[in-house]
Amino acid sequence: MPEPLDCKMSRYSKGYAFVRTIVVLPVFRLFYRRIQVIGHPVPKGPVIFAPNHQNSLMDAICILCTCNRQPVFVARADIFRGNGFIIRILHFLRILPIYRKRDGVNTEENNRDTFDILLKTLHNNRAAGIMPEGTYSRLKRLQQLQKGIFRIAMKAQEKYGNRPYIKIIPVGLEYSDIRKFRSDVIIRYGKPMEMSDYYGLYAENPSKAFKQMQTALSDRMKEGMIHIENDTCYNEINWARRIFEKEALRQLALKNDGEGRLIAQQHLVAALEAMATHHLEEMAGLSADIREYAALLDRFRFRDWVVRQPYSPVALLWRALLLLAGTPVWLMGMLFNYPPYKLSEWVSRLPKDSQFFSSVQYVGGIVFFPLYHLTLAALSVIFIPCLPGKICLILLLLPTGLFSFIWYLSFKKLTANLRFRLQPKERSVRMVQLRKTILEKIGLSEQ
């Protein structure tokens, strides 16, 4: 007789732990170039993770791969409208359906089973994960939090009253680019919210308690993410906080780590929003400069670092020689890894919404790379006569792929620097002047 779903979800799973350790975690570490985990330690016992929601499945993966728990997550119910095999996979991954009012259904009735499983999970001192915004957003901004997470938390807390028990963990997720392979991610675990602190008010006035919890959780989540309130200058502020992070780090004397980078970007956002509020004319001029500079970079396919610190002629020659020496390894890496990489990238472009790009590419990588590498390994066993040669090829499959990707990025940087040097002088000088002017208006300095 199959084990009931609520029992599966509320206990430790060795199979789940094996898949996380052998498949999910290694691919996660390869997928992101730099993963920085900061903030408070995650306490033991029953907790509900509450991350901001910008990157579909990857938001849950970030938590799964950076804390030693097996949280039960909820996801929108429409992804469960598949065959039984898909649903079994989702259940194995500890994902349950949640219905929203926008789905046009009776949420109380349809979510009853999911809520019961979550309550049993928490009462077994395990973890859950709920996106309190209710939906994802393209903007670097925390949306209005929904009350569902607090209803579940307080329902689980009822059994213990004013005694400490259920905790909500605010999680801030900050991606350097939600669409790109080998981008960066900062994961900040905030100070836990103890539900017993709100239980007295909840017993008297649930609505008032929920409102207080919404405000408190919202404030704690904003501490771990980029939150841009301003609508009028949103694009300019968002662009500047990414581009001038290094200058802000240096001026604030912060380390180039997760905590420092997050603080530097938040500082830039706060300064620019203050300017947009209190100095409208100055912000209008700054916004015009930012738009012109960004348009020039986009038109001529440059990145800011080319203007900030172009290579010297000696550096160009040295890097060109290094790339030439690494070309054979690059070719090997392309042969061993380009087909599954390109297939994963192509599949990731099928969803129209950019929030799904990295999630689909991540899952595609889990599927396509092992299949392709197993095929190459089988061919090596058949056609390579000596055992050392077979072992050597198998061991080189993945490292040469990473080398090939780094080689490609280095090649792009080299050619970008060459193109910048070949630009008409008035154009390159204008870019340099614009950049310097923007930094001065923001209150930063160049190196």
Protein backbone atom coordinates (compact mmCIF):
# COMPACT_ATOMS: atom_id res chain seq x y z
CA MET A 1 0.00 0.00 0.00
CA PRO A 2 1.53 3.36 -1.02
CA GLU A 3 2.51 5.75 1.74
CA PRO A 4 0.08 8.69 2.18
CA LEU A 5 1.32 11.97 0.72
CA ASP A 6 1.21 13.81 4.05
CA CYS A 7 3.49 11.20 5.61
CA LYS A 8 5.96 11.42 2.71
CA MET A 9 6.14 15.18 2.89
CA SER A 10 6.50 15.43 6.66
CA ARG A 11 9.45 13.05 7.10
CA TYR A 12 13.10 13.03 6.07
CA SER A 13 13.60 11.46 2.63
CA LYS A 14 16.86 9.64 1.85
CA GLY A 15 15.97 9.55 -1.86
CA TYR A 16 15.40 13.29 -1.91
CA ALA A 17 18.67 13.87 -0.04
CA PHE A 18 20.54 11.68 -2.56
CA VAL A 19 19.15 13.58 -5.58
CA ARG A 20 19.92 16.92 -3.91
CA THR A 21 23.52 15.92 -3.14
CA ILE A 22 24.35 14.11 -6.38
CA VAL A 23 22.37 16.12 -8.95
CA VAL A 24 20.76 19.37 -7.80
CA LEU A 25 23.62 20.82 -5.71
CA PRO A 26 26.52 20.16 -8.14
CA VAL A 27 24.55 21.61 -11.08
CA PHE A 28 23.60 24.62 -8.93
CA ARG A 29 27.28 25.29 -8.16
CA LEU A 30 28.15 25.02 -11.84
CA PHE A 31 25.21 27.11 -12.98
CA TYR A 32 26.18 30.17 -10.92
CA ARG A 33 29.63 31.71 -11.09
CA ARG A 34 29.50 33.15 -7.58
CA ILE A 35 27.10 32.04 -4.82
CA GLN A 36 27.28 34.13 -1.66
CA VAL A 37 25.25 33.16 1.41
CA ILE A 38 25.02 35.78 4.15
CA GLY A 39 22.86 36.77 7.10
CA HIS A 40 21.62 34.87 10.13
CA PRO A 41 21.94 31.12 10.73
CA VAL A 42 18.79 29.11 10.03
CA PRO A 43 17.42 27.76 13.34
CA LYS A 44 16.40 24.16 13.88
CA GLY A 45 12.77 23.20 14.31
CA PRO A 46 9.70 24.25 12.34
CA VAL A 47 10.39 27.17 9.99
CA ILE A 48 8.74 28.72 6.96
CA PHE A 49 11.13 30.20 4.41
CA ALA A 50 9.78 33.41 2.87
CA PRO A 51 11.87 34.50 -0.16
CA ASN A 52 11.23 37.30 -2.61
CA HIS A 53 10.08 35.86 -5.94
CA GLN A 54 11.86 36.95 -9.14
CA ASN A 55 13.26 33.81 -10.74
CA SER A 56 10.65 31.05 -10.85
CA LEU A 57 12.00 27.62 -9.75
CA MET A 58 15.48 28.99 -9.02
CA ASP A 59 14.19 30.86 -5.97
CA ALA A 60 13.35 27.55 -4.31
CA ILE A 61 16.56 25.91 -5.59
CA CYS A 62 18.61 28.67 -3.94
CA ILE A 63 17.13 27.82 -0.54
CA LEU A 64 17.29 24.07 -1.09
CA CYS A 65 21.01 24.23 -1.99
CA THR A 66 22.17 26.60 0.76
CA CYS A 67 20.53 25.21 3.90
CA ASN A 68 20.51 21.68 5.24
CA ARG A 69 16.74 21.25 5.26
CA GLN A 70 14.12 19.53 3.09
CA PRO A 71 11.47 22.25 2.79
CA VAL A 72 8.04 21.56 1.32
CA PHE A 73 7.31 24.31 -1.20
CA VAL A 74 4.03 25.40 -2.72
CA ALA A 75 3.70 26.37 -6.38
CA ARG A 76 0.83 27.62 -8.50
CA ALA A 77 -1.66 24.88 -9.20
CA ASP A 78 -1.63 25.06 -13.00
CA ILE A 79 1.74 23.25 -13.24
CA PHE A 80 0.01 20.20 -11.73
CA ARG A 81 -2.34 19.93 -14.71
CA GLY A 82 -0.25 17.24 -16.33
CA ASN A 83 -0.13 13.51 -16.34
CA GLY A 84 0.43 11.42 -13.25
CA PHE A 85 4.15 11.10 -13.95
CA ILE A 86 4.70 14.89 -13.78
CA ILE A 87 2.70 15.11 -10.57
CA ARG A 88 4.74 12.28 -9.00
CA ILE A 89 7.96 14.12 -9.88
CA LEU A 90 6.63 17.33 -8.31
CA HIS A 91 5.62 15.45 -5.17
CA PHE A 92 9.05 13.79 -5.02
CA LEU A 93 10.56 17.26 -5.19
CA ARG A 94 8.30 18.20 -2.24
CA ILE A 95 6.21 20.68 -4.21
CA LEU A 96 2.47 21.05 -3.53
CA PRO A 97 -0.20 22.96 -5.48
CA ILE A 98 -1.60 26.22 -4.19
CA TYR A 99 -4.70 27.82 -5.70
CA ARG A 100 -5.06 31.59 -5.86
CA LYS A 101 -8.15 33.75 -6.11
CA ARG A 102 -7.08 34.81 -9.60
CA ASP A 103 -7.44 31.14 -10.64
CA GLY A 104 -11.21 31.55 -10.28
CA VAL A 105 -11.66 28.72 -7.77
CA ASN A 106 -12.71 28.31 -4.17
CA THR A 107 -9.28 28.70 -2.57
CA GLU A 108 -10.37 27.54 0.89
CA GLU A 109 -11.75 24.27 -0.42
CA ASN A 110 -9.04 23.55 -3.00
CA ASN A 111 -6.14 24.40 -0.71
CA ARG A 112 -7.37 22.37 2.26
CA ASP A 113 -5.23 19.30 1.53
CA THR A 114 -2.11 21.39 0.90
CA PHE A 115 -2.62 23.35 4.13
CA ASP A 116 -3.12 20.13 6.11
CA ILE A 117 0.15 18.70 4.75
CA LEU A 118 2.01 21.92 5.53
CA LEU A 119 0.65 21.92 9.08
CA LYS A 120 1.70 18.30 9.60
CA THR A 121 5.13 19.10 8.17
CA LEU A 122 5.61 22.00 10.59
CA HIS A 123 4.28 20.01 13.56
CA ASN A 124 6.91 17.38 12.75
CA ASN A 125 9.57 20.10 13.23
CA ARG A 126 10.33 20.27 9.52
CA ALA A 127 10.47 23.19 7.06
CA ALA A 128 8.13 24.74 4.50
CA GLY A 129 8.68 27.34 1.81
CA ILE A 130 6.12 29.92 0.68
CA MET A 131 6.58 32.88 -1.68
CA PRO A 132 4.65 35.52 0.31
CA GLU A 133 4.26 37.85 -2.68
CA GLY A 134 2.02 35.24 -4.30
CA THR A 135 3.51 35.77 -7.76
CA TYR A 136 6.82 36.75 -9.33
CA SER A 137 7.76 40.18 -10.61
CA ARG A 138 10.16 41.50 -13.24
CA LEU A 139 10.87 44.56 -11.11
CA LYS A 140 13.50 44.87 -8.40
CA ARG A 141 10.77 45.61 -5.91
CA LEU A 142 9.02 43.68 -3.15
CA GLN A 143 5.33 43.36 -3.93
CA GLN A 144 2.47 43.46 -1.44
CA LEU A 145 2.68 40.36 0.76
CA GLN A 146 -0.28 38.01 0.81
CA LYS A 147 -1.81 36.77 4.07
CA GLY A 148 -1.64 33.04 3.28
CA ILE A 149 1.79 32.54 4.83
CA PHE A 150 0.63 34.12 8.10
CA ARG A 151 -2.57 32.08 8.22
CA ILE A 152 -0.58 28.86 7.91
CA ALA A 153 2.04 30.03 10.43
CA MET A 154 -0.52 31.04 13.06
CA LYS A 155 -2.62 27.93 12.50
CA ALA A 156 0.47 25.85 13.27
CA GLN A 157 1.28 28.10 16.23
CA GLU A 158 -2.19 27.69 17.81
CA LYS A 159 -1.16 24.40 19.38
CA TYR A 160 1.61 26.16 21.33
CA GLY A 161 0.03 29.55 22.06
CA ASN A 162 2.53 32.08 23.45
CA ARG A 163 5.35 29.54 23.62
CA PRO A 164 8.06 29.96 20.92
CA TYR A 165 7.56 27.47 18.12
CA ILE A 166 6.92 28.49 14.47
CA LYS A 167 9.39 30.89 12.88
CA ILE A 168 9.23 32.66 9.50
CA ILE A 169 12.63 33.13 7.89
CA PRO A 170 12.80 36.16 5.55
CA VAL A 171 15.06 35.35 2.60
CA GLY A 172 16.47 37.96 0.24
CA LEU A 173 17.51 36.73 -3.21
CA GLU A 174 19.53 39.02 -5.45
CA TYR A 175 20.52 37.78 -8.93
CA SER A 176 23.01 39.66 -11.09
CA ASP A 177 21.08 38.42 -14.15
CA ILE A 178 18.12 36.04 -14.00
CA ARG A 179 18.62 35.02 -17.65
CA LYS A 180 22.30 34.13 -17.81
CA PHE A 181 24.34 31.01 -17.11
CA ARG A 182 27.32 31.67 -14.80
CA SER A 183 25.83 34.82 -13.30
CA ASP A 184 25.97 35.66 -9.56
CA VAL A 185 23.46 35.24 -6.76
CA ILE A 186 23.39 36.60 -3.20
CA ILE A 187 21.22 34.70 -0.71
CA ARG A 188 20.55 36.46 2.59
CA TYR A 189 18.79 34.69 5.46
CA GLY A 190 17.21 37.35 7.63
CA LYS A 191 16.45 37.46 11.33
CA PRO A 192 13.68 34.91 12.10
CA MET A 193 10.21 36.16 12.98
CA GLU A 194 8.90 34.33 16.04
CA MET A 195 5.16 33.73 15.67
CA SER A 196 4.59 33.52 19.43
CA ASP A 197 5.34 37.27 19.57
CA TYR A 198 2.14 37.89 17.60
CA TYR A 199 -0.05 35.19 19.08
CA GLY A 200 -1.68 37.38 21.75
CA LEU A 201 -2.77 39.96 19.19
CA TYR A 202 -3.80 37.19 16.80
CA ALA A 203 -6.11 35.68 19.43
CA GLU A 204 -7.80 39.05 19.90
CA ASN A 205 -7.78 40.47 16.37
CA PRO A 206 -6.43 38.22 13.56
CA SER A 207 -6.76 40.94 10.91
CA LYS A 208 -4.69 43.42 12.92
CA ALA A 209 -2.10 40.74 13.68
CA PHE A 210 -1.78 39.82 10.00
CA LYS A 211 -1.26 43.48 9.11
CA GLN A 212 1.52 43.84 11.69
CA MET A 213 3.17 40.64 10.47
CA GLN A 214 2.95 41.83 6.85
CA THR A 215 4.75 45.05 7.75
CA ALA A 216 7.41 43.28 9.84
CA LEU A 217 8.13 40.58 7.25
CA SER A 218 8.16 43.10 4.42
CA ASP A 219 10.75 45.24 6.23
CA ARG A 220 12.97 42.23 6.94
CA MET A 221 12.75 40.92 3.39
CA LYS A 222 13.74 44.33 1.98
CA GLU A 223 16.94 44.20 4.05
CA GLY A 224 18.12 41.27 1.94
CA MET A 225 17.20 42.40 -1.57
CA ILE A 226 17.18 45.35 -3.95
CA HIS A 227 13.95 47.28 -3.52
CA ILE A 228 13.37 50.28 -5.81
CA GLU A 229 10.24 52.26 -4.91
CA ASN A 230 10.57 55.05 -7.46
CA ASP A 231 8.56 54.52 -10.66
CA THR A 232 9.56 57.61 -12.64
CA CYS A 233 13.31 56.90 -12.63
CA TYR A 234 13.15 53.15 -12.02
CA ASN A 235 15.16 52.14 -15.12
CA GLU A 236 17.93 54.66 -14.49
CA ILE A 237 18.23 53.74 -10.79
CA ASN A 238 18.24 50.02 -11.54
CA TRP A 239 20.89 50.49 -14.23
CA ALA A 240 23.15 52.66 -12.08
CA ARG A 241 23.10 50.41 -9.01
CA ARG A 242 24.41 47.50 -11.14
CA ILE A 243 26.97 49.40 -13.18
CA PHE A 244 28.58 51.43 -10.41
CA GLU A 245 28.67 48.78 -7.68
CA LYS A 246 32.50 48.65 -7.65
CA GLU A 247 32.82 52.41 -7.16
CA ALA A 248 30.30 52.31 -4.30
CA LEU A 249 32.17 49.41 -2.68
CA ARG A 250 35.41 51.38 -2.78
CA GLN A 251 33.90 54.62 -1.48
CA LEU A 252 32.10 52.87 1.38
CA ALA A 253 35.24 50.81 2.19
CA LEU A 254 33.28 47.56 1.90
CA LYS A 255 34.58 44.12 1.07
CA ASN A 256 33.73 42.70 -2.34
CA ASP A 257 31.62 39.92 -0.83
CA GLY A 258 27.90 39.25 -0.67
CA GLU A 259 27.24 41.54 2.28
CA GLY A 260 29.35 44.35 0.84
CA ARG A 261 27.88 44.13 -2.65
CA LEU A 262 24.33 44.15 -1.33
CA ILE A 263 24.96 47.12 0.96
CA ALA A 264 26.71 49.03 -1.85
CA GLN A 265 23.81 48.55 -4.24
CA GLN A 266 21.23 49.42 -1.57
CA HIS A 267 23.24 52.57 -0.79
CA LEU A 268 23.16 53.59 -4.46
CA VAL A 269 19.41 52.96 -4.68
CA ALA A 270 18.74 55.01 -1.51
CA ALA A 271 20.92 57.92 -2.72
CA LEU A 272 19.31 58.02 -6.17
CA GLU A 273 15.78 57.73 -4.79
CA ALA A 274 16.52 60.60 -2.39
CA MET A 275 17.76 62.67 -5.33
CA ALA A 276 14.64 61.81 -7.34
CA THR A 277 12.47 62.95 -4.42
CA HIS A 278 14.23 66.08 -3.23
CA HIS A 279 16.30 67.30 -6.21
CA LEU A 280 14.14 66.82 -9.29
CA GLU A 281 16.22 68.94 -11.69
CA GLU A 282 19.47 67.24 -10.72
CA MET A 283 17.85 63.81 -11.15
CA ALA A 284 16.45 64.81 -14.53
CA GLY A 285 19.93 65.75 -15.75
CA LEU A 286 21.47 62.60 -14.30
CA SER A 287 18.75 60.42 -15.88
CA ALA A 288 19.42 62.01 -19.28
CA ASP A 289 23.15 61.25 -18.96
CA ILE A 290 22.47 57.67 -17.88
CA ARG A 291 20.10 57.09 -20.79
CA GLU A 292 22.62 58.49 -23.29
CA TYR A 293 25.49 56.43 -21.86
CA ALA A 294 23.40 53.24 -21.76
CA ALA A 295 22.21 53.84 -25.33
CA LEU A 296 25.80 54.24 -26.58
CA LEU A 297 26.88 51.04 -24.84
CA ASP A 298 23.91 49.17 -26.25
CA ARG A 299 24.24 50.56 -29.78
CA PHE A 300 27.91 49.65 -30.13
CA ARG A 301 27.67 46.44 -28.06
CA PHE A 302 29.99 47.49 -25.24
CA ARG A 303 29.94 46.77 -21.53
CA ASP A 304 30.72 49.43 -18.95
CA TRP A 305 33.98 47.73 -17.90
CA VAL A 306 35.45 48.44 -21.37
CA VAL A 307 35.03 52.17 -20.80
CA ARG A 308 36.00 51.99 -17.13
CA GLN A 309 39.30 50.18 -17.57
CA PRO A 310 40.32 49.37 -21.16
CA TYR A 311 43.25 47.02 -21.69
CA SER A 312 46.64 48.50 -22.47
CA PRO A 313 48.37 47.45 -25.74
CA VAL A 314 50.66 45.13 -23.75
CA ALA A 315 47.68 43.55 -21.96
CA LEU A 316 45.89 43.07 -25.28
CA LEU A 317 48.88 41.27 -26.76
CA TRP A 318 49.41 39.11 -23.68
CA ARG A 319 45.75 38.08 -23.51
CA ALA A 320 45.69 37.33 -27.23
CA LEU A 321 48.68 34.99 -26.82
CA LEU A 322 47.03 33.24 -23.86
CA LEU A 323 43.84 32.74 -25.86
CA LEU A 324 45.82 31.36 -28.79
CA ALA A 325 47.58 28.89 -26.50
CA GLY A 326 44.25 27.76 -25.02
CA THR A 327 42.50 27.31 -28.37
CA PRO A 328 43.02 23.50 -28.57
CA VAL A 329 41.45 23.03 -25.13
CA TRP A 330 38.62 25.38 -26.13
CA LEU A 331 37.94 23.25 -29.22
CA MET A 332 37.90 20.11 -27.07
CA GLY A 333 35.51 21.72 -24.59
CA MET A 334 33.21 22.81 -27.42
CA LEU A 335 33.10 19.28 -28.80
CA PHE A 336 32.36 17.80 -25.38
CA ASN A 337 29.84 20.38 -24.13
CA TYR A 338 28.49 22.76 -26.76
CA PRO A 339 25.61 20.57 -28.07
CA PRO A 340 23.93 20.05 -24.66
CA TYR A 341 24.67 23.67 -23.65
CA LYS A 342 23.12 25.04 -26.82
CA LEU A 343 20.14 22.70 -26.52
CA SER A 344 19.55 23.80 -22.90
CA GLU A 345 19.81 27.44 -23.96
CA TRP A 346 17.41 26.93 -26.85
CA VAL A 347 14.84 25.21 -24.64
CA SER A 348 15.14 28.02 -22.08
CA ARG A 349 14.01 30.53 -24.73
CA LEU A 350 10.75 28.71 -25.37
CA PRO A 351 8.87 30.31 -22.42
CA LYS A 352 7.87 33.86 -23.28
CA ASP A 353 8.47 35.05 -19.74
CA SER A 354 12.14 35.78 -18.91
CA GLN A 355 11.54 34.70 -15.28
CA PHE A 356 11.52 31.09 -16.52
CA PHE A 357 14.73 31.27 -18.61
CA SER A 358 17.26 30.16 -16.01
CA SER A 359 14.89 27.62 -14.44
CA VAL A 360 14.32 25.86 -17.76
CA GLN A 361 18.00 26.09 -18.66
CA TYR A 362 18.94 24.65 -15.25
CA VAL A 363 16.57 21.69 -15.64
CA GLY A 364 17.69 21.28 -19.27
CA GLY A 365 21.30 21.09 -18.09
CA ILE A 366 20.41 18.37 -15.59
CA VAL A 367 18.85 16.35 -18.42
CA PHE A 368 20.95 17.05 -21.54
CA PHE A 369 24.50 17.15 -20.15
CA PRO A 370 24.42 13.71 -18.47
CA LEU A 371 22.83 12.15 -21.58
CA TYR A 372 25.43 13.66 -23.90
CA HIS A 373 28.36 12.85 -21.59
CA LEU A 374 27.15 9.28 -21.11
CA THR A 375 26.99 8.93 -24.90
CA LEU A 376 30.56 10.22 -25.26
CA ALA A 377 31.72 7.94 -22.45
CA ALA A 378 30.13 4.94 -24.16
CA LEU A 379 31.78 5.86 -27.46
CA SER A 380 35.15 6.21 -25.73
CA VAL A 381 34.79 2.73 -24.25
CA ILE A 382 34.07 1.32 -27.71
CA PHE A 383 36.59 3.21 -29.85
CA ILE A 384 39.52 4.19 -27.59
CA PRO A 385 41.75 1.13 -27.25
CA CYS A 386 43.70 1.93 -24.07
CA LEU A 387 42.15 2.22 -20.60
CA PRO A 388 44.10 5.37 -19.58
CA GLY A 389 42.81 7.13 -22.71
CA LYS A 390 39.21 6.21 -21.86
CA ILE A 391 39.59 7.43 -18.27
CA CYS A 392 41.33 10.63 -19.38
CA LEU A 393 38.55 11.53 -21.84
CA ILE A 394 35.79 10.91 -19.30
CA LEU A 395 37.57 13.02 -16.65
CA LEU A 396 38.05 15.88 -19.11
CA LEU A 397 34.43 16.16 -20.24
CA LEU A 398 33.26 18.74 -17.69
CA PRO A 399 36.51 20.66 -16.93
CA THR A 400 37.13 21.38 -20.61
CA GLY A 401 33.58 22.69 -20.86
CA LEU A 402 34.17 25.19 -18.05
CA PHE A 403 37.49 26.18 -19.60
CA SER A 404 35.77 26.65 -22.96
CA PHE A 405 33.19 28.98 -21.41
CA ILE A 406 35.89 31.05 -19.65
CA TRP A 407 37.89 31.16 -22.90
CA TYR A 408 34.83 32.42 -24.77
CA LEU A 409 34.23 35.20 -22.22
CA SER A 410 37.89 36.19 -22.40
CA PHE A 411 37.68 36.27 -26.19
CA LYS A 412 34.63 38.55 -26.03
CA LYS A 413 36.47 40.89 -23.64
CA LEU A 414 39.51 40.98 -25.91
CA THR A 415 37.50 41.77 -29.05
CA ALA A 416 35.42 44.36 -27.17
CA ASN A 417 38.61 46.14 -26.11
CA LEU A 418 39.93 46.04 -29.66
CA ARG A 419 36.69 47.48 -31.01
CA PHE A 420 36.71 50.22 -28.37
CA ARG A 421 40.24 51.24 -29.36
CA LEU A 422 39.17 51.34 -33.02
CA GLN A 423 36.17 53.59 -32.36
CA PRO A 424 36.27 57.20 -33.64
CA LYS A 425 38.03 59.23 -30.96
CA GLU A 426 35.11 61.58 -30.39
CA ARG A 427 32.84 58.62 -29.62
CA SER A 428 35.14 56.91 -27.14
CA VAL A 429 35.95 60.26 -25.48
CA ARG A 430 32.21 60.98 -25.17
CA MET A 431 31.64 57.63 -23.43
CA VAL A 432 34.50 58.27 -20.99
CA GLN A 433 33.23 61.80 -20.26
CA LEU A 434 29.65 60.64 -19.76
CA ARG A 435 30.74 57.96 -17.33
CA LYS A 436 32.83 60.44 -15.34
CA THR A 437 29.98 62.95 -15.26
CA ILE A 438 27.48 60.35 -14.02
CA LEU A 439 29.79 59.25 -11.24
CA GLU A 440 30.35 62.85 -10.13
CA LYS A 441 26.61 63.54 -10.03
CA ILE A 442 26.00 60.41 -7.98
CA GLY A 443 28.82 61.39 -5.63
CA LEU A 444 31.26 58.60 -6.55
CA SER A 445 34.78 58.73 -7.93
CA GLU A 446 36.69 56.69 -10.47
CA GLN A 447 39.72 54.63 -9.59
